[in-house]
Protein backbone atom coordinates (compact mmCIF):
# COMPACT_ATOMS: atom_id res chain seq x y z
CA MET A 1 96.72 -8.58 283.15
CA ILE A 2 99.81 -8.12 285.26
CA LEU A 3 102.25 -6.56 282.80
CA LEU A 4 105.45 -7.56 284.58
CA GLU A 5 104.31 -11.18 284.85
CA VAL A 6 103.49 -11.25 281.13
CA ILE A 7 106.81 -9.70 280.14
CA LYS A 8 108.73 -12.12 282.35
CA SER A 9 106.85 -15.04 280.80
CA LEU A 10 108.08 -13.94 277.36
CA SER A 11 111.66 -13.09 278.36
CA ASN A 12 113.20 -16.10 276.67
CA GLN A 13 113.72 -16.70 272.94
CA THR A 14 112.21 -20.19 273.09
CA ARG A 15 109.06 -18.86 274.75
CA LEU A 16 108.75 -16.19 272.06
CA ASN A 17 109.22 -18.90 269.42
CA ILE A 18 106.49 -21.01 271.02
CA LEU A 19 104.10 -18.06 270.94
CA GLU A 20 104.89 -17.59 267.24
CA TRP A 21 104.54 -21.31 266.45
CA LEU A 22 101.16 -21.50 268.15
CA LYS A 23 99.87 -18.57 266.10
CA GLU A 24 99.98 -20.72 262.96
CA PRO A 25 100.53 -24.35 263.99
CA PHE A 26 100.25 -25.74 260.45
CA ALA A 27 103.08 -23.48 259.30
CA HIS A 28 105.41 -24.67 262.07
CA PHE A 29 104.58 -28.27 262.97
CA PRO A 30 104.65 -31.33 260.69
CA ALA A 31 101.21 -32.37 259.46
CA GLU A 32 101.49 -35.83 261.05
CA GLU A 33 101.93 -34.23 264.47
CA LEU A 34 98.76 -32.21 263.90
CA ALA A 35 96.66 -35.07 262.56
CA ASP A 36 94.28 -34.75 265.52
CA TYR A 37 94.69 -30.96 265.86
CA SER A 38 91.73 -29.00 267.13
CA PRO A 39 91.76 -25.21 267.48
CA ASP A 40 89.84 -25.68 270.73
CA LEU A 41 92.67 -27.77 272.20
CA GLY A 42 95.85 -26.44 270.62
CA VAL A 43 99.14 -28.29 270.26
CA CYS A 44 100.37 -31.10 272.50
CA VAL A 45 103.28 -30.37 274.86
CA SER A 46 105.33 -33.23 273.41
CA ASP A 47 105.04 -31.76 269.90
CA ILE A 48 106.08 -28.33 271.14
CA ALA A 49 109.06 -29.86 272.98
CA LYS A 50 110.12 -31.75 269.87
CA LYS A 51 109.94 -28.58 267.76
CA ALA A 52 111.94 -26.67 270.39
CA GLY A 53 114.56 -29.43 270.61
CA MET A 54 114.17 -29.48 274.37
CA SER A 55 112.96 -31.92 276.99
CA VAL A 56 109.26 -32.15 277.78
CA PRO A 57 109.82 -31.15 281.45
CA THR A 58 111.70 -27.98 280.46
CA VAL A 59 109.11 -26.97 277.87
CA SER A 60 106.33 -27.79 280.35
CA VAL A 61 107.80 -25.26 282.77
CA TYR A 62 107.95 -22.65 280.00
CA LEU A 63 104.36 -23.34 278.99
CA LYS A 64 103.13 -23.27 282.59
CA THR A 65 104.82 -19.90 283.10
CA MET A 66 103.14 -18.52 279.98
CA SER A 67 99.81 -20.01 281.02
CA THR A 68 100.06 -18.50 284.51
CA ALA A 69 100.64 -15.12 282.83
CA ASN A 70 97.46 -15.79 280.82
CA ILE A 71 99.25 -15.68 277.46
CA LEU A 72 98.47 -19.34 276.78
CA ILE A 73 95.47 -21.53 277.58
CA SER A 74 96.08 -25.12 278.64
CA THR A 75 93.65 -27.97 278.19
CA ARG A 76 94.10 -31.44 279.63
CA LYS A 77 92.75 -34.39 277.61
CA ASP A 78 93.39 -37.83 279.04
CA GLN A 79 97.13 -37.95 279.82
CA TRP A 80 98.01 -35.16 277.36
CA THR A 81 98.17 -31.42 277.87
CA TYR A 82 97.57 -29.06 274.96
CA TYR A 83 98.32 -25.36 274.67
CA LYS A 84 96.93 -22.59 272.50
CA ARG A 85 97.34 -18.84 272.46
CA ASN A 86 95.05 -16.65 274.52
CA GLU A 87 94.37 -14.16 271.72
CA GLU A 88 92.29 -11.90 273.95
CA SER A 89 95.16 -11.44 276.42
CA ILE A 90 97.68 -10.99 273.62
CA GLN A 91 95.54 -8.22 272.10
CA GLU A 92 95.17 -6.63 275.53
CA LEU A 93 98.96 -6.65 275.88
CA ALA A 94 99.37 -5.06 272.44
CA ARG A 95 96.86 -2.31 273.33
CA HIS A 96 98.56 -1.67 276.67
CA ILE A 97 101.96 -1.32 275.03
CA LYS A 98 100.58 0.93 272.30
CA ASN A 99 98.65 3.19 274.68
CA ASN A 100 100.85 3.28 277.77
CA LEU A 101 104.46 2.52 276.95
């Protein structure tokens, strides 16, 4: 984990919201958008963009940044890209903050 890269990837309120939404998708996304939800895949970019009230290209950049920092995991299925939290990396971040900062 590169701490600065992770912190930069979360330095935006929308990105923090996305991380929160993906923690409990059924609490934050309408059931019809999660009809085909799989914990192995995550939530579709278009559903995240709709929830954020932003364009798909803008949200895609946010998600890619978070994925590059290893906070999210992306999975491509056909023409759709899905994102889920990387819980292992998030726990590593929490431990690092607790123990070192």
